Amino acid sequence: MLYQEAFNTSVFRMEYPDEEGAESYCVGIIVPEPEAKHIDDRLRDSLNHYFGWKADWRPKNIEVWVLSAIEEGITLPAADTRQPCQAAGDHFSSPGATMADFAAYLEGFGIAGMPVLDETADGQRYQIDFSFEPENSNSLLEALERMGLEVKKERRSVDMLVLSPPK
């Protein structure tokens, strides 16, 4: 998870060896306010210094969800400004979210179980109030359709963070 945070990615865009019995770590980082904007750089430097794992971005051809608008188009009300969102495994609510934000939710919360690519070609902000029943696989697709969206599984080239242990 430290590498996810440092490289601002999801577990579905990472490749790493499964090391049974590997040690677990808990790390706290205190950064003075003026340097807070550099937290990712500091974290990446610290991970390299203390653990020595190599982290490289490499394109991989993998299965992904492709989020797109249905033929009739997105049916959500427009929003002017972005405000904080609320999200959990079965809902996403945000005044002013983009489709890229929504795709990041579907990926980050593990709804798709794989990377999600936003191909709505839409940078507009929307009032999104999405929920579904995780026990009912059809409810997810129905909720997306009510928003004017659909998902399809396809193979695409995606940049993956490949982690290699020290030699």
N, C-alpha and C. Protein backbone atom coordinates (compact mmCIF):
# COMPACT_ATOMS: atom_id res chain seq x y z
N MET A 1 0.82 -1.20 0.00
CA MET A 1 0.00 0.00 0.00
C MET A 1 0.86 1.26 0.00
N LEU A 2 2.04 1.18 0.57
CA LEU A 2 2.92 2.35 0.54
C LEU A 2 3.29 2.73 -0.89
N TYR A 3 3.53 1.73 -1.71
CA TYR A 3 3.85 2.01 -3.11
C TYR A 3 2.63 2.55 -3.86
N GLN A 4 1.46 2.03 -3.53
CA GLN A 4 0.23 2.59 -4.12
C GLN A 4 0.13 4.07 -3.83
N GLU A 5 0.34 4.42 -2.59
CA GLU A 5 0.24 5.82 -2.17
C GLU A 5 1.33 6.68 -2.81
N ALA A 6 2.55 6.18 -2.80
CA ALA A 6 3.67 6.95 -3.32
C ALA A 6 3.55 7.20 -4.82
N PHE A 7 2.99 6.22 -5.55
CA PHE A 7 2.90 6.34 -6.99
C PHE A 7 1.49 6.66 -7.47
N ASN A 8 0.59 6.94 -6.50
CA ASN A 8 -0.78 7.35 -6.81
C ASN A 8 -1.43 6.41 -7.83
N THR A 9 -1.50 5.13 -7.47
CA THR A 9 -2.07 4.13 -8.36
C THR A 9 -2.92 3.16 -7.55
N SER A 10 -3.59 2.27 -8.23
CA SER A 10 -4.39 1.25 -7.54
C SER A 10 -3.66 -0.08 -7.58
N VAL A 11 -4.06 -0.97 -6.74
CA VAL A 11 -3.46 -2.30 -6.70
C VAL A 11 -3.64 -3.03 -8.03
N PHE A 12 -4.66 -2.64 -8.79
CA PHE A 12 -4.93 -3.29 -10.07
C PHE A 12 -4.00 -2.81 -11.18
N ARG A 13 -3.18 -1.80 -10.88
CA ARG A 13 -2.20 -1.32 -11.85
C ARG A 13 -0.79 -1.57 -11.33
N MET A 14 -0.65 -2.61 -10.51
CA MET A 14 0.64 -2.97 -9.93
C MET A 14 0.93 -4.44 -10.18
N GLU A 15 2.21 -4.73 -10.35
CA GLU A 15 2.68 -6.10 -10.48
C GLU A 15 3.81 -6.27 -9.49
N TYR A 16 3.73 -7.29 -8.66
CA TYR A 16 4.77 -7.52 -7.68
C TYR A 16 4.82 -9.00 -7.34
N PRO A 17 5.99 -9.49 -6.96
CA PRO A 17 6.11 -10.90 -6.64
C PRO A 17 5.36 -11.22 -5.35
N ASP A 18 4.77 -12.39 -5.32
CA ASP A 18 4.08 -12.85 -4.11
C ASP A 18 5.10 -13.53 -3.23
N GLU A 19 5.50 -12.86 -2.19
CA GLU A 19 6.51 -13.42 -1.30
C GLU A 19 5.84 -13.88 -0.02
N GLU A 20 5.67 -15.18 0.07
CA GLU A 20 5.04 -15.75 1.25
C GLU A 20 5.94 -15.53 2.46
N GLY A 21 5.35 -15.13 3.56
CA GLY A 21 6.12 -14.90 4.78
C GLY A 21 6.86 -13.57 4.78
N ALA A 22 6.59 -12.71 3.82
CA ALA A 22 7.27 -11.42 3.77
C ALA A 22 6.89 -10.59 4.99
N GLU A 23 7.81 -9.75 5.41
CA GLU A 23 7.56 -8.90 6.57
C GLU A 23 6.57 -7.80 6.22
N SER A 24 5.80 -7.38 7.22
CA SER A 24 4.88 -6.25 7.07
C SER A 24 5.45 -5.06 7.80
N TYR A 25 5.14 -3.89 7.31
CA TYR A 25 5.65 -2.67 7.93
C TYR A 25 4.52 -1.67 8.12
N CYS A 26 4.67 -0.85 9.13
CA CYS A 26 3.78 0.27 9.35
C CYS A 26 4.68 1.50 9.39
N VAL A 27 4.37 2.46 8.54
CA VAL A 27 5.24 3.63 8.42
C VAL A 27 4.43 4.89 8.66
N GLY A 28 4.96 5.77 9.46
CA GLY A 28 4.37 7.09 9.66
C GLY A 28 5.32 8.14 9.12
N ILE A 29 4.78 9.05 8.36
CA ILE A 29 5.61 10.10 7.78
C ILE A 29 5.06 11.45 8.23
N ILE A 30 5.92 12.24 8.82
CA ILE A 30 5.53 13.58 9.25
C ILE A 30 6.25 14.57 8.34
N VAL A 31 5.47 15.38 7.68
CA VAL A 31 6.02 16.34 6.73
C VAL A 31 5.56 17.74 7.14
N PRO A 32 6.48 18.66 7.28
CA PRO A 32 6.08 20.04 7.61
C PRO A 32 5.17 20.60 6.50
N GLU A 33 4.20 21.40 6.88
CA GLU A 33 3.21 21.95 5.95
C GLU A 33 3.81 22.54 4.68
N PRO A 34 4.86 23.33 4.74
CA PRO A 34 5.39 23.90 3.49
C PRO A 34 5.88 22.82 2.50
N GLU A 35 6.21 21.63 2.99
CA GLU A 35 6.72 20.57 2.13
C GLU A 35 5.65 19.53 1.78
N ALA A 36 4.42 19.74 2.22
CA ALA A 36 3.36 18.74 2.02
C ALA A 36 3.12 18.44 0.55
N LYS A 37 3.31 19.42 -0.31
CA LYS A 37 3.07 19.18 -1.73
C LYS A 37 4.10 18.23 -2.34
N HIS A 38 5.17 17.95 -1.61
CA HIS A 38 6.22 17.05 -2.09
C HIS A 38 6.17 15.69 -1.40
N ILE A 39 5.06 15.37 -0.75
CA ILE A 39 4.97 14.13 0.04
C ILE A 39 5.22 12.89 -0.82
N ASP A 40 4.68 12.84 -2.03
CA ASP A 40 4.88 11.66 -2.88
C ASP A 40 6.35 11.47 -3.23
N ASP A 41 7.04 12.56 -3.53
CA ASP A 41 8.48 12.46 -3.83
C ASP A 41 9.25 11.95 -2.62
N ARG A 42 8.92 12.49 -1.45
CA ARG A 42 9.61 12.06 -0.22
C ARG A 42 9.34 10.59 0.07
N LEU A 43 8.09 10.18 -0.12
CA LEU A 43 7.73 8.79 0.15
C LEU A 43 8.46 7.86 -0.82
N ARG A 44 8.50 8.20 -2.10
CA ARG A 44 9.21 7.36 -3.08
C ARG A 44 10.69 7.26 -2.73
N ASP A 45 11.32 8.38 -2.36
CA ASP A 45 12.73 8.36 -1.97
C ASP A 45 12.94 7.49 -0.74
N SER A 46 12.05 7.60 0.23
CA SER A 46 12.17 6.82 1.46
C SER A 46 12.00 5.33 1.20
N LEU A 47 11.02 4.98 0.36
CA LEU A 47 10.80 3.56 0.05
C LEU A 47 12.04 2.98 -0.62
N ASN A 48 12.61 3.72 -1.56
CA ASN A 48 13.81 3.25 -2.24
C ASN A 48 14.97 3.10 -1.25
N HIS A 49 15.14 4.09 -0.39
CA HIS A 49 16.25 4.07 0.57
C HIS A 49 16.13 2.92 1.58
N TYR A 50 14.94 2.73 2.16
CA TYR A 50 14.78 1.75 3.23
C TYR A 50 14.52 0.33 2.74
N PHE A 51 13.87 0.17 1.60
CA PHE A 51 13.49 -1.17 1.16
C PHE A 51 14.24 -1.62 -0.09
N GLY A 52 14.70 -0.70 -0.91
CA GLY A 52 15.50 -1.05 -2.07
C GLY A 52 14.78 -1.69 -3.24
N TRP A 53 13.46 -1.75 -3.20
CA TRP A 53 12.71 -2.33 -4.32
C TRP A 53 12.77 -1.38 -5.51
N LYS A 54 12.87 -1.96 -6.70
CA LYS A 54 12.86 -1.17 -7.91
C LYS A 54 11.42 -1.03 -8.37
N ALA A 55 11.01 0.17 -8.73
CA ALA A 55 9.64 0.44 -9.20
C ALA A 55 9.73 1.09 -10.58
N ASP A 56 9.19 0.40 -11.57
CA ASP A 56 9.21 0.91 -12.94
C ASP A 56 7.83 0.85 -13.55
N TRP A 57 7.48 1.88 -14.32
CA TRP A 57 6.23 1.87 -15.08
C TRP A 57 6.50 1.16 -16.41
N ARG A 58 5.68 0.16 -16.72
CA ARG A 58 5.82 -0.57 -17.99
C ARG A 58 4.44 -0.80 -18.58
N PRO A 59 4.32 -0.64 -19.90
CA PRO A 59 3.02 -0.94 -20.52
C PRO A 59 2.79 -2.45 -20.56
N LYS A 60 1.57 -2.87 -20.22
CA LYS A 60 1.18 -4.28 -20.26
C LYS A 60 -0.18 -4.37 -20.93
N ASN A 61 -0.37 -5.40 -21.72
CA ASN A 61 -1.66 -5.65 -22.37
C ASN A 61 -2.48 -6.53 -21.42
N ILE A 62 -3.49 -5.94 -20.79
CA ILE A 62 -4.28 -6.65 -19.78
C ILE A 62 -5.76 -6.40 -20.00
N GLU A 63 -6.58 -7.17 -19.29
CA GLU A 63 -8.03 -6.98 -19.35
C GLU A 63 -8.42 -5.82 -18.45
N VAL A 64 -9.27 -4.93 -18.98
CA VAL A 64 -9.74 -3.75 -18.25
C VAL A 64 -11.24 -3.58 -18.45
N TRP A 65 -11.83 -2.76 -17.62
CA TRP A 65 -13.19 -2.28 -17.86
C TRP A 65 -13.05 -0.97 -18.62
N VAL A 66 -13.84 -0.81 -19.66
CA VAL A 66 -13.89 0.45 -20.40
C VAL A 66 -15.24 1.10 -20.10
N LEU A 67 -15.20 2.27 -19.47
CA LEU A 67 -16.41 3.03 -19.14
C LEU A 67 -16.71 3.97 -20.29
N SER A 68 -17.94 3.88 -20.82
CA SER A 68 -18.33 4.75 -21.92
C SER A 68 -19.79 5.16 -21.77
N ALA A 69 -20.16 6.18 -22.52
CA ALA A 69 -21.55 6.64 -22.52
C ALA A 69 -22.36 5.76 -23.48
N ILE A 70 -23.61 5.49 -23.12
CA ILE A 70 -24.48 4.76 -24.02
C ILE A 70 -24.88 5.68 -25.16
N GLU A 71 -25.50 5.13 -26.17
CA GLU A 71 -25.84 5.90 -27.37
C GLU A 71 -26.66 7.15 -27.06
N GLU A 72 -27.58 7.06 -26.09
CA GLU A 72 -28.42 8.20 -25.74
C GLU A 72 -27.67 9.27 -24.96
N GLY A 73 -26.48 8.93 -24.45
CA GLY A 73 -25.65 9.89 -23.73
C GLY A 73 -25.83 9.84 -22.22
N ILE A 74 -24.97 10.54 -21.53
CA ILE A 74 -24.99 10.60 -20.06
C ILE A 74 -26.22 11.38 -19.61
N THR A 75 -26.93 10.83 -18.63
CA THR A 75 -28.20 11.41 -18.20
C THR A 75 -28.12 12.12 -16.85
N LEU A 76 -26.94 12.37 -16.36
CA LEU A 76 -26.77 12.99 -15.04
C LEU A 76 -26.91 14.50 -15.13
N PRO A 77 -27.41 15.13 -14.04
CA PRO A 77 -27.45 16.60 -14.02
C PRO A 77 -26.04 17.18 -13.93
N ALA A 78 -25.81 18.27 -14.62
CA ALA A 78 -24.52 18.94 -14.60
C ALA A 78 -24.30 19.64 -13.26
N ALA A 79 -23.03 19.82 -12.91
CA ALA A 79 -22.66 20.54 -11.69
C ALA A 79 -21.58 21.55 -12.05
N ASP A 80 -21.55 22.66 -11.33
CA ASP A 80 -20.59 23.72 -11.64
C ASP A 80 -19.23 23.52 -10.99
N THR A 81 -19.23 23.13 -9.72
CA THR A 81 -17.97 23.03 -8.99
C THR A 81 -17.84 21.67 -8.35
N ARG A 82 -16.62 21.30 -8.07
CA ARG A 82 -16.34 20.03 -7.40
C ARG A 82 -16.39 20.22 -5.89
N GLN A 83 -17.07 19.28 -5.24
CA GLN A 83 -17.11 19.26 -3.78
C GLN A 83 -16.70 17.87 -3.34
N PRO A 84 -16.37 17.70 -2.07
CA PRO A 84 -15.91 16.39 -1.61
C PRO A 84 -16.92 15.28 -1.91
N CYS A 85 -16.38 14.11 -2.20
CA CYS A 85 -17.26 12.97 -2.49
C CYS A 85 -17.35 12.06 -1.28
N GLN A 86 -18.37 11.23 -1.29
CA GLN A 86 -18.54 10.18 -0.30
C GLN A 86 -18.61 8.88 -1.08
N ALA A 87 -17.82 7.91 -0.66
CA ALA A 87 -17.79 6.66 -1.41
C ALA A 87 -17.57 5.49 -0.47
N ALA A 88 -18.11 4.36 -0.86
CA ALA A 88 -17.90 3.08 -0.19
C ALA A 88 -18.06 2.01 -1.26
N GLY A 89 -18.00 0.77 -0.85
CA GLY A 89 -18.08 -0.33 -1.81
C GLY A 89 -19.36 -0.42 -2.58
N ASP A 90 -20.42 0.24 -2.10
CA ASP A 90 -21.71 0.13 -2.80
C ASP A 90 -22.31 1.47 -3.21
N HIS A 91 -21.56 2.57 -3.03
CA HIS A 91 -22.09 3.87 -3.45
C HIS A 91 -21.00 4.91 -3.69
N PHE A 92 -21.35 5.89 -4.50
CA PHE A 92 -20.48 7.02 -4.80
C PHE A 92 -21.38 8.22 -4.95
N SER A 93 -21.14 9.24 -4.16
CA SER A 93 -21.94 10.45 -4.21
C SER A 93 -21.01 11.65 -4.25
N SER A 94 -21.18 12.48 -5.28
CA SER A 94 -20.31 13.64 -5.39
C SER A 94 -20.94 14.73 -6.23
N PRO A 95 -21.10 15.91 -5.65
CA PRO A 95 -21.49 17.05 -6.47
C PRO A 95 -20.25 17.56 -7.20
N GLY A 96 -20.26 17.48 -8.51
CA GLY A 96 -19.16 18.03 -9.28
C GLY A 96 -18.07 17.05 -9.67
N ALA A 97 -18.35 15.75 -9.67
CA ALA A 97 -17.35 14.77 -10.08
C ALA A 97 -17.33 14.62 -11.60
N THR A 98 -16.18 14.27 -12.13
CA THR A 98 -16.05 13.98 -13.55
C THR A 98 -16.20 12.47 -13.75
N MET A 99 -16.32 12.06 -15.00
CA MET A 99 -16.37 10.63 -15.30
C MET A 99 -15.04 9.96 -14.95
N ALA A 100 -13.93 10.71 -15.05
CA ALA A 100 -12.63 10.17 -14.64
C ALA A 100 -12.63 9.89 -13.14
N ASP A 101 -13.26 10.77 -12.35
CA ASP A 101 -13.38 10.53 -10.90
C ASP A 101 -14.20 9.27 -10.64
N PHE A 102 -15.27 9.11 -11.38
CA PHE A 102 -16.14 7.95 -11.20
C PHE A 102 -15.42 6.67 -11.61
N ALA A 103 -14.67 6.71 -12.70
CA ALA A 103 -13.89 5.54 -13.13
C ALA A 103 -12.85 5.18 -12.05
N ALA A 104 -12.23 6.19 -11.45
CA ALA A 104 -11.26 5.95 -10.38
C ALA A 104 -11.93 5.28 -9.18
N TYR A 105 -13.18 5.66 -8.88
CA TYR A 105 -13.94 5.00 -7.81
C TYR A 105 -14.16 3.53 -8.15
N LEU A 106 -14.63 3.24 -9.36
CA LEU A 106 -14.92 1.85 -9.75
C LEU A 106 -13.67 0.99 -9.65
N GLU A 107 -12.52 1.57 -9.97
CA GLU A 107 -11.26 0.83 -9.88
C GLU A 107 -10.76 0.77 -8.44
N GLY A 108 -10.65 1.91 -7.80
CA GLY A 108 -10.04 2.00 -6.47
C GLY A 108 -10.77 1.24 -5.38
N PHE A 109 -12.10 1.17 -5.48
CA PHE A 109 -12.87 0.44 -4.49
C PHE A 109 -13.04 -1.03 -4.86
N GLY A 110 -12.39 -1.45 -5.94
CA GLY A 110 -12.43 -2.85 -6.32
C GLY A 110 -13.73 -3.32 -6.94
N ILE A 111 -14.59 -2.39 -7.34
CA ILE A 111 -15.87 -2.76 -7.95
C ILE A 111 -15.62 -3.58 -9.21
N ALA A 112 -14.66 -3.14 -10.02
CA ALA A 112 -14.36 -3.82 -11.28
C ALA A 112 -13.40 -4.99 -11.07
N GLY A 113 -12.55 -4.90 -10.08
CA GLY A 113 -11.54 -5.93 -9.87
C GLY A 113 -10.43 -5.88 -10.90
N MET A 114 -10.31 -4.76 -11.58
CA MET A 114 -9.30 -4.55 -12.62
C MET A 114 -9.24 -3.06 -12.92
N PRO A 115 -8.27 -2.61 -13.72
CA PRO A 115 -8.23 -1.19 -14.08
C PRO A 115 -9.50 -0.78 -14.83
N VAL A 116 -9.89 0.49 -14.65
CA VAL A 116 -11.05 1.05 -15.34
C VAL A 116 -10.58 2.25 -16.15
N LEU A 117 -10.86 2.22 -17.44
CA LEU A 117 -10.49 3.32 -18.32
C LEU A 117 -11.72 4.14 -18.67
N ASP A 118 -11.64 5.44 -18.48
CA ASP A 118 -12.74 6.35 -18.82
C ASP A 118 -12.64 6.69 -20.30
N GLU A 119 -13.58 6.22 -21.08
CA GLU A 119 -13.62 6.55 -22.50
C GLU A 119 -14.93 7.26 -22.85
N THR A 120 -15.43 8.04 -21.89
CA THR A 120 -16.63 8.82 -22.16
C THR A 120 -16.30 10.06 -22.99
N ALA A 121 -15.02 10.43 -23.05
CA ALA A 121 -14.59 11.65 -23.75
C ALA A 121 -15.38 12.85 -23.25
N ASP A 122 -15.55 12.89 -21.93
CA ASP A 122 -16.39 13.91 -21.33
C ASP A 122 -15.68 14.49 -20.11
N GLY A 123 -15.30 15.75 -20.14
CA GLY A 123 -14.65 16.39 -19.01
C GLY A 123 -15.60 17.18 -18.13
N GLN A 124 -16.89 17.07 -18.40
CA GLN A 124 -17.89 17.84 -17.65
C GLN A 124 -18.02 17.31 -16.22
N ARG A 125 -18.46 18.18 -15.33
CA ARG A 125 -18.73 17.81 -13.94
C ARG A 125 -20.21 17.49 -13.80
N TYR A 126 -20.48 16.45 -12.99
CA TYR A 126 -21.86 15.99 -12.80
C TYR A 126 -22.20 15.84 -11.33
N GLN A 127 -23.49 15.89 -11.04
CA GLN A 127 -24.02 15.54 -9.73
C GLN A 127 -24.24 14.03 -9.78
N ILE A 128 -23.33 13.28 -9.17
CA ILE A 128 -23.42 11.82 -9.21
C ILE A 128 -23.91 11.31 -7.87
N ASP A 129 -24.95 10.50 -7.93
CA ASP A 129 -25.48 9.82 -6.75
C ASP A 129 -25.73 8.37 -7.16
N PHE A 130 -24.67 7.58 -7.10
CA PHE A 130 -24.67 6.21 -7.61
C PHE A 130 -24.70 5.22 -6.45
N SER A 131 -25.55 4.21 -6.55
CA SER A 131 -25.53 3.11 -5.59
C SER A 131 -26.01 1.84 -6.28
N PHE A 132 -25.59 0.72 -5.75
CA PHE A 132 -26.01 -0.57 -6.29
C PHE A 132 -25.97 -1.60 -5.17
N GLU A 133 -26.50 -2.78 -5.42
CA GLU A 133 -26.51 -3.88 -4.45
C GLU A 133 -25.41 -4.87 -4.83
N PRO A 134 -24.32 -4.93 -4.07
CA PRO A 134 -23.20 -5.80 -4.43
C PRO A 134 -23.60 -7.28 -4.60
N GLU A 135 -24.65 -7.71 -3.89
CA GLU A 135 -25.09 -9.10 -3.98
C GLU A 135 -25.79 -9.40 -5.30
N ASN A 136 -26.22 -8.36 -6.01
CA ASN A 136 -26.97 -8.52 -7.26
C ASN A 136 -26.13 -7.92 -8.40
N SER A 137 -25.48 -8.80 -9.17
CA SER A 137 -24.57 -8.31 -10.21
C SER A 137 -25.30 -7.47 -11.26
N ASN A 138 -26.58 -7.72 -11.49
CA ASN A 138 -27.33 -6.92 -12.46
C ASN A 138 -27.56 -5.50 -11.97
N SER A 139 -27.62 -5.29 -10.66
CA SER A 139 -27.92 -3.95 -10.15
C SER A 139 -26.83 -2.95 -10.51
N LEU A 140 -25.58 -3.39 -10.60
CA LEU A 140 -24.49 -2.50 -11.00
C LEU A 140 -24.71 -2.02 -12.43
N LEU A 141 -24.96 -2.95 -13.34
CA LEU A 141 -25.16 -2.58 -14.74
C LEU A 141 -26.41 -1.72 -14.92
N GLU A 142 -27.46 -2.02 -14.16
CA GLU A 142 -28.69 -1.23 -14.23
C GLU A 142 -28.46 0.19 -13.71
N ALA A 143 -27.71 0.33 -12.62
CA ALA A 143 -27.42 1.66 -12.06
C ALA A 143 -26.58 2.47 -13.05
N LEU A 144 -25.62 1.83 -13.69
CA LEU A 144 -24.81 2.52 -14.70
C LEU A 144 -25.69 2.97 -15.86
N GLU A 145 -26.57 2.09 -16.32
CA GLU A 145 -27.44 2.43 -17.45
C GLU A 145 -28.35 3.62 -17.13
N ARG A 146 -28.85 3.69 -15.89
CA ARG A 146 -29.69 4.84 -15.50
C ARG A 146 -28.90 6.16 -15.58
N MET A 147 -27.58 6.07 -15.44
CA MET A 147 -26.72 7.25 -15.53
C MET A 147 -26.31 7.54 -16.98
N GLY A 148 -26.67 6.64 -17.89
CA GLY A 148 -26.27 6.79 -19.28
C GLY A 148 -24.89 6.24 -19.56
N LEU A 149 -24.47 5.25 -18.78
CA LEU A 149 -23.13 4.68 -18.88
C LEU A 149 -23.19 3.17 -19.08
N GLU A 150 -22.10 2.63 -19.58
CA GLU A 150 -21.95 1.18 -19.67
C GLU A 150 -20.48 0.84 -19.51
N VAL A 151 -20.22 -0.43 -19.18
CA VAL A 151 -18.84 -0.92 -19.09
C VAL A 151 -18.73 -2.17 -19.94
N LYS A 152 -17.55 -2.33 -20.52
CA LYS A 152 -17.23 -3.53 -21.30
C LYS A 152 -15.84 -3.98 -20.92
N LYS A 153 -15.62 -5.30 -20.90
CA LYS A 153 -14.28 -5.83 -20.68
C LYS A 153 -13.57 -5.88 -22.03
N GLU A 154 -12.35 -5.34 -22.05
CA GLU A 154 -11.53 -5.37 -23.25
C GLU A 154 -10.07 -5.51 -22.84
N ARG A 155 -9.24 -5.94 -23.76
CA ARG A 155 -7.79 -5.98 -23.53
C ARG A 155 -7.20 -4.67 -24.04
N ARG A 156 -6.43 -4.03 -23.19
CA ARG A 156 -5.82 -2.75 -23.54
C ARG A 156 -4.40 -2.70 -22.97
N SER A 157 -3.60 -1.82 -23.54
CA SER A 157 -2.28 -1.56 -23.00
C SER A 157 -2.42 -0.52 -21.89
N VAL A 158 -1.96 -0.88 -20.70
CA VAL A 158 -2.08 -0.03 -19.52
C VAL A 158 -0.71 0.07 -18.87
N ASP A 159 -0.32 1.26 -18.43
CA ASP A 159 0.92 1.40 -17.69
C ASP A 159 0.76 0.75 -16.32
N MET A 160 1.65 -0.20 -16.03
CA MET A 160 1.62 -0.93 -14.76
C MET A 160 2.88 -0.58 -13.97
N LEU A 161 2.72 -0.45 -12.65
CA LEU A 161 3.86 -0.24 -11.78
C LEU A 161 4.41 -1.62 -11.42
N VAL A 162 5.59 -1.94 -11.93
CA VAL A 162 6.20 -3.24 -11.71
C VAL A 162 7.25 -3.10 -10.62
N LEU A 163 7.06 -3.85 -9.52
CA LEU A 163 7.96 -3.80 -8.38
C LEU A 163 8.86 -5.04 -8.41
N SER A 164 10.16 -4.79 -8.21
CA SER A 164 11.14 -5.88 -8.18
C SER A 164 11.93 -5.78 -6.89
N PRO A 165 12.08 -6.92 -6.18
CA PRO A 165 12.85 -6.87 -4.91
C PRO A 165 14.33 -6.62 -5.16
N PRO A 166 15.02 -6.17 -4.12
CA PRO A 166 16.46 -5.93 -4.29
C PRO A 166 17.17 -7.24 -4.61
N LYS A 167 18.23 -7.14 -5.37
CA LYS A 167 18.98 -8.35 -5.75
C LYS A 167 20.07 -8.66 -4.78
